Protein backbone atom coordinates (compact mmCIF):
# COMPACT_ATOMS: atom_id res chain seq x y z
CA MET A 1 157.72 -125.78 93.24
CA LYS A 2 154.44 -123.99 91.95
CA LEU A 3 156.17 -120.56 92.96
CA SER A 4 159.16 -121.35 90.65
CA TYR A 5 156.71 -122.25 87.93
CA LEU A 6 155.15 -118.94 88.25
CA LEU A 7 158.38 -116.93 88.18
CA ILE A 8 159.64 -118.83 84.84
CA LEU A 9 156.12 -117.90 83.49
CA ALA A 10 156.68 -114.12 84.30
CA LEU A 11 160.08 -114.21 82.38
CA ILE A 12 158.56 -115.60 79.20
CA PRO A 13 157.63 -112.26 77.66
CA VAL A 14 161.05 -111.06 78.49
CA LEU A 15 162.90 -113.91 77.09
CA ALA A 16 160.61 -114.10 73.89
CA GLY A 17 161.53 -110.55 72.93
CA CYS A 18 165.23 -111.68 73.04
CA LYS A 19 164.87 -114.34 70.50
CA PRO A 20 163.76 -114.54 66.93
CA GLU A 21 160.25 -115.54 66.35
CA THR A 22 159.82 -119.68 66.03
CA ALA A 23 157.04 -121.96 64.94
CA ALA A 24 154.49 -122.73 67.57
CA PRO A 25 155.65 -126.05 69.43
CA PRO A 26 153.27 -128.92 68.43
CA ALA A 27 150.30 -129.98 70.42
CA LYS A 28 150.99 -132.40 73.27
CA ILE A 29 148.56 -135.39 73.40
CA TYR A 30 147.73 -137.61 76.30
CA PHE A 31 146.08 -141.04 76.75
CA VAL A 32 143.44 -140.64 79.36
CA ARG A 33 140.96 -142.91 81.44
CA GLY A 34 137.73 -141.31 82.81
CA VAL A 35 134.07 -141.63 83.48
CA VAL A 36 131.51 -139.68 82.15
CA GLU A 37 129.39 -137.81 84.44
CA LYS A 38 127.50 -135.46 82.10
CA ILE A 39 126.88 -134.54 78.69
CA PRO A 40 124.89 -131.31 77.86
CA PRO A 41 122.23 -131.45 74.92
CA ASP A 42 124.70 -129.57 72.52
CA GLN A 43 127.35 -132.54 73.06
CA ARG A 44 130.10 -129.81 72.58
CA HIS A 45 131.50 -130.86 76.12
CA ALA A 46 131.17 -133.23 78.58
CA THR A 47 131.91 -133.46 82.38
CA ILE A 48 134.60 -136.23 83.02
CA LYS A 49 135.83 -137.48 85.84
CA HIS A 50 139.57 -138.42 84.71
CA GLU A 51 142.33 -140.22 86.35
CA ALA A 52 145.69 -138.43 86.99
CA ILE A 53 147.57 -137.57 83.85
CA PRO A 54 151.43 -138.25 84.69
CA GLY A 55 153.77 -135.25 84.39
CA TYR A 56 150.70 -133.01 83.48
CA MET A 57 147.91 -132.71 85.87
CA ALA A 58 146.36 -134.48 88.65
CA ALA A 59 142.98 -136.37 88.61
CA MET A 60 140.00 -133.96 88.20
CA THR A 61 136.51 -133.40 87.22
CA MET A 62 136.34 -131.22 84.27
CA ASP A 63 133.83 -129.95 81.78
CA LEU A 64 136.01 -130.58 78.53
CA THR A 65 135.46 -129.47 74.93
CA VAL A 66 134.65 -132.38 72.59
CA LYS A 67 136.52 -131.96 69.31
CA ASN A 68 133.85 -134.00 67.37
CA PRO A 69 130.48 -134.15 69.03
CA ASN A 70 129.42 -137.28 66.81
CA GLU A 71 131.88 -139.18 69.25
CA LEU A 72 129.66 -138.81 72.18
CA LYS A 73 126.60 -140.34 70.53
CA ASP A 74 126.90 -143.82 71.87
CA ILE A 75 128.33 -142.50 75.34
CA SER A 76 126.06 -141.62 78.30
CA ALA A 77 126.58 -140.57 81.63
CA GLY A 78 128.19 -143.41 83.84
CA ASP A 79 130.12 -144.92 80.94
CA GLU A 80 133.96 -145.49 81.51
CA ILE A 81 135.69 -144.17 78.62
CA THR A 82 139.45 -143.62 77.40
CA PHE A 83 140.22 -140.46 75.21
CA ASP A 84 143.00 -138.35 73.95
CA MET A 85 143.57 -134.87 75.42
CA VAL A 86 145.05 -132.41 73.16
CA VAL A 87 146.76 -129.28 74.57
CA THR A 88 148.20 -126.43 72.81
CA ASP A 89 149.76 -123.38 74.19
CA ASP A 90 146.20 -121.48 74.23
CA ASP A 91 143.55 -124.46 73.87
CA ASP A 92 142.85 -127.87 74.67
CA TRP A 93 140.16 -130.56 73.70
CA ILE A 94 139.41 -134.14 73.76
CA GLN A 95 139.00 -136.56 70.84
CA ASN A 96 138.98 -140.09 69.99
CA LEU A 97 136.49 -140.95 72.77
CA ARG A 98 136.04 -144.80 73.36
CA ARG A 99 133.36 -146.46 75.54
CA THR A 100 135.31 -149.41 77.66
CA GLY A 101 132.39 -150.04 80.08
CA LYS A 102 129.92 -148.76 82.68
CA SER A 103 130.80 -147.56 85.76
CA ILE A 104 129.26 -149.25 88.90
CA ALA A 105 128.10 -145.81 90.28
CA THR A 106 128.37 -142.13 89.37
CA ARG A 107 129.60 -139.69 91.66
CA THR A 108 127.32 -137.07 93.51
CA PRO A 109 128.95 -133.82 92.93
CA VAL A 110 129.89 -132.38 96.28
CA TRP A 111 129.60 -128.85 94.84
CA ARG A 112 125.51 -129.45 94.66
CA VAL A 113 124.36 -126.25 96.29
CA VAL A 114 120.58 -125.68 97.62
CA GLU A 115 120.88 -121.65 97.55
CA ALA A 116 119.31 -120.37 94.62
CA GLU A 117 121.63 -118.47 91.81
CA LEU A 118 120.97 -114.73 91.76
CA GLU A 119 119.49 -113.48 88.44
CA VAL A 120 120.04 -110.67 86.32
CA GLY A 121 118.90 -107.17 87.85
CA ALA A 122 119.55 -108.61 91.46
CA THR A 123 121.68 -106.78 93.82
CA LEU A 124 124.79 -108.84 94.69
CA PRO A 125 125.60 -108.64 98.32
CA ASN A 126 128.95 -107.15 99.39
CA HIS A 127 131.86 -109.32 99.59
CA THR A 128 135.35 -108.44 100.70
CA PHE A 129 138.64 -109.99 99.28
CA THR A 130 142.50 -109.63 99.76
CA SER A 131 144.03 -107.86 97.08
CA GLU A 132 147.70 -108.56 95.47
CA SER A 133 148.58 -105.49 97.35
CA LYS A 134 147.43 -107.12 100.61
CA ARG A 135 144.84 -104.70 100.84
CA LEU A 136 141.29 -105.58 101.43
CA VAL A 137 138.88 -104.82 98.81
CA SER A 138 134.91 -105.13 98.27
CA PHE A 139 132.45 -104.83 95.62
CA ALA A 140 131.23 -101.74 97.36
CA ASP A 141 134.71 -99.95 96.96
CA PHE A 142 133.76 -99.73 93.37
CA ARG A 143 130.09 -98.46 93.39
CA GLY A 144 129.70 -96.25 90.54
CA ARG A 145 131.80 -98.47 88.35
CA ALA A 146 130.86 -101.46 86.03
CA VAL A 147 132.73 -104.35 87.82
CA ALA A 148 133.56 -107.60 85.81
CA PHE A 149 134.78 -110.49 87.81
CA THR A 150 135.62 -114.09 87.06
CA PHE A 151 137.35 -116.74 89.14
CA PHE A 152 140.62 -118.93 88.72
CA PHE A 153 143.47 -120.29 90.48
CA THR A 154 146.93 -119.93 89.48
CA SER A 155 147.87 -123.64 89.35
CA CYS A 156 145.10 -124.18 86.78
CA PRO A 157 146.50 -126.47 84.08
CA LEU A 158 144.22 -126.17 81.11
CA PRO A 159 144.52 -123.55 78.35
CA GLU A 160 140.72 -123.20 77.69
CA TYR A 161 140.18 -122.67 81.60
CA CYS A 162 141.63 -119.99 84.07
CA PRO A 163 144.28 -118.77 81.32
CA ARG A 164 141.63 -118.28 78.79
CA MET A 165 139.57 -116.10 81.31
CA ASN A 166 142.59 -114.05 81.98
CA LYS A 167 143.50 -113.76 78.21
CA ASN A 168 139.86 -112.97 77.61
CA PHE A 169 140.18 -110.26 80.49
CA PHE A 170 143.31 -108.69 78.72
CA GLU A 171 141.78 -108.40 75.17
CA ALA A 172 138.43 -106.86 76.78
CA ARG A 173 140.56 -104.24 78.84
CA ARG A 174 142.68 -103.53 75.56
CA LEU A 175 139.51 -103.01 73.65
CA LEU A 176 137.92 -100.63 76.26
CA LEU A 177 141.08 -98.55 76.89
CA ALA A 178 141.51 -98.08 73.19
CA ASP A 179 137.95 -96.87 72.95
CA THR A 180 137.93 -93.15 72.93
CA ASN A 181 134.14 -93.19 73.42
CA ALA A 182 133.78 -95.85 76.03
CA PRO A 183 133.04 -95.02 79.63
CA ALA A 184 135.93 -94.68 81.86
CA ASN A 185 134.03 -96.07 85.04
CA TRP A 186 134.91 -99.62 84.93
CA GLN A 187 136.80 -102.20 86.64
CA LEU A 188 137.92 -105.97 86.09
CA LEU A 189 138.52 -107.87 88.99
CA SER A 190 140.08 -111.74 88.83
CA LEU A 191 139.30 -113.53 92.02
CA SER A 192 141.21 -116.58 93.16
CA PHE A 193 139.30 -119.31 94.89
CA ASP A 194 142.66 -121.22 96.12
CA PRO A 195 143.38 -118.96 99.47
CA SER A 196 145.83 -121.85 100.73
CA PHE A 197 148.21 -120.88 97.72
CA ASP A 198 147.35 -118.01 96.17
CA THR A 199 148.93 -115.41 98.43
CA PRO A 200 149.36 -111.72 97.42
CA GLU A 201 153.07 -112.16 96.45
CA ILE A 202 151.72 -115.13 93.69
CA LEU A 203 148.94 -112.89 92.63
CA SER A 204 151.28 -110.14 91.75
CA ASN A 205 153.65 -112.24 89.83
CA TYR A 206 150.68 -113.89 88.12
CA GLY A 207 149.13 -110.77 87.18
CA LYS A 208 151.94 -109.13 85.71
CA PHE A 209 152.47 -112.20 83.38
CA TYR A 210 148.99 -111.21 81.93
CA ARG A 211 149.01 -107.44 82.33
CA GLY A 212 152.91 -106.64 82.39
CA ASP A 213 153.37 -103.42 84.54
CA ASN A 214 150.32 -101.86 83.60
CA ALA A 215 147.98 -102.56 86.24
CA ASP A 216 145.15 -99.96 85.08
CA ARG A 217 141.40 -101.04 86.15
CA TRP A 218 142.49 -104.68 86.48
CA LEU A 219 142.90 -106.16 89.84
CA PHE A 220 143.95 -109.79 91.25
CA ALA A 221 142.71 -110.85 94.50
CA VAL A 222 141.98 -113.84 96.65
CA ALA A 223 138.81 -114.77 98.40
CA SER A 224 138.77 -116.68 101.86
CA THR A 225 136.78 -120.00 102.24
CA ASN A 226 133.89 -117.96 104.00
CA THR A 227 133.73 -115.59 101.48
CA LEU A 228 133.74 -118.53 98.62
CA ALA A 229 130.85 -120.34 100.80
CA SER A 230 128.78 -116.95 100.62
CA LEU A 231 129.47 -115.78 97.14
CA GLY A 232 129.81 -119.08 95.22
CA PRO A 233 125.89 -120.17 95.26
CA LYS A 234 124.71 -116.54 94.35
CA VAL A 235 126.65 -116.68 90.91
CA ASP A 236 126.73 -120.26 90.49
CA LEU A 237 130.27 -120.82 91.07
CA ARG A 238 130.97 -124.47 91.73
CA PHE A 239 134.67 -125.97 92.95
CA TRP A 240 135.97 -128.73 94.91
CA ARG A 241 139.44 -130.13 95.56
CA GLU A 242 140.14 -133.27 94.08
CA GLY A 243 143.18 -135.33 93.60
CA GLY A 244 145.78 -132.46 94.66
CA SER A 245 143.92 -130.06 92.48
CA ILE A 246 140.78 -127.81 92.40
CA SER A 247 137.91 -129.04 89.88
CA HIS A 248 135.71 -126.11 88.98
CA ASN A 249 133.25 -124.66 86.59
CA LEU A 250 133.55 -121.08 84.86
CA ARG A 251 131.59 -118.12 85.88
CA THR A 252 132.30 -114.60 84.66
CA VAL A 253 129.66 -111.78 86.23
CA VAL A 254 129.25 -107.97 85.12
CA LEU A 255 127.97 -105.70 87.75
CA ASP A 256 126.38 -102.49 86.93
CA THR A 257 127.09 -99.14 88.64
CA ASN A 258 124.70 -100.34 91.49
CA GLU A 259 126.28 -103.54 92.41
CA LYS A 260 123.27 -105.33 90.43
CA ILE A 261 123.85 -108.34 88.21
CA PHE A 262 123.92 -106.93 84.69
CA ARG A 263 125.10 -109.90 82.86
CA GLN A 264 126.58 -113.34 83.50
CA PHE A 265 128.97 -115.43 81.12
CA ASP A 266 128.87 -119.32 81.79
CA GLY A 267 131.58 -121.47 80.55
CA ASN A 268 134.45 -120.27 78.09
CA ASP A 269 132.26 -119.68 74.74
CA TRP A 270 132.08 -116.09 75.21
CA THR A 271 134.42 -113.58 73.77
CA PRO A 272 136.28 -110.33 74.63
CA GLN A 273 134.01 -108.31 72.50
CA GLN A 274 130.97 -109.57 74.14
CA LEU A 275 132.59 -108.68 77.52
CA ALA A 276 133.83 -105.17 76.58
CA GLU A 277 130.08 -104.36 75.34
CA ALA A 278 128.42 -105.49 78.41
CA ILE A 279 130.81 -103.57 80.57
CA ARG A 280 130.24 -100.68 78.29
CA ASP A 281 126.50 -100.83 78.77
CA ALA A 282 126.70 -101.36 82.46
CA ALA A 283 128.81 -98.45 83.09
CA LYS A 284 126.37 -96.23 81.62
CA VAL A 285 123.68 -97.08 84.39
CA PRO A 286 122.78 -94.27 86.29
CA VAL A 287 123.97 -94.42 90.03
CA ARG A 288 120.82 -94.54 92.25
């Protein structure tokens, strides 16, 4: 069923070209129950363990965007809440938060790690992945180039999660390819953390949905379980299987030409312009 879904997605650009433009479909709104696990100081997001949303997504723990931060002023970690999840073609957020009770116990995240995250300037150890063309590739293969990599899985349901990472990569690549003064020694790498489902064939079809037939300097690949266990803590990537899907945070990393961490973008509030600028600067670092 997932494969059929991806193949349908791949046909969307073709079908869209055969029909006149129409108004964007209205947003879908889902009523959801959940338990708050964490609220950051800016109160623009909330980490919520929510129940399954019939017809849309499995029970998951997600860092969700809060439309009106004032709605969090009387809510704290451990509270049981209800809320509306609003989903458009390219965005999602929650609103109408209501506290309904206090949870007996909050969940201890299974992704807690003891290994420290590497800092900017540290060398990222080499790791190997299986590409969409079934070849093994590693960070070392791109030495001499700036490498921007992010994490995703093809079944990710929320527009502001994996789809936004891929759309941002698309736009950043467009900006770099259009800039005649930009260095040419750079590479984009989208890494799946779902090796049980994201086969090279699925990654190839998924990649074409975002970049078409032009794969110039943008590769999709999948990391094995052992590779993820080693790489994840080094860049503070956290993910776990839950309710038939994968809960995760968002991490995008730029390496310089010497495989050193040049910049890391946490979450999804960064822009393609910021990523393109970081890649430009990282590509100018002399190879040592």
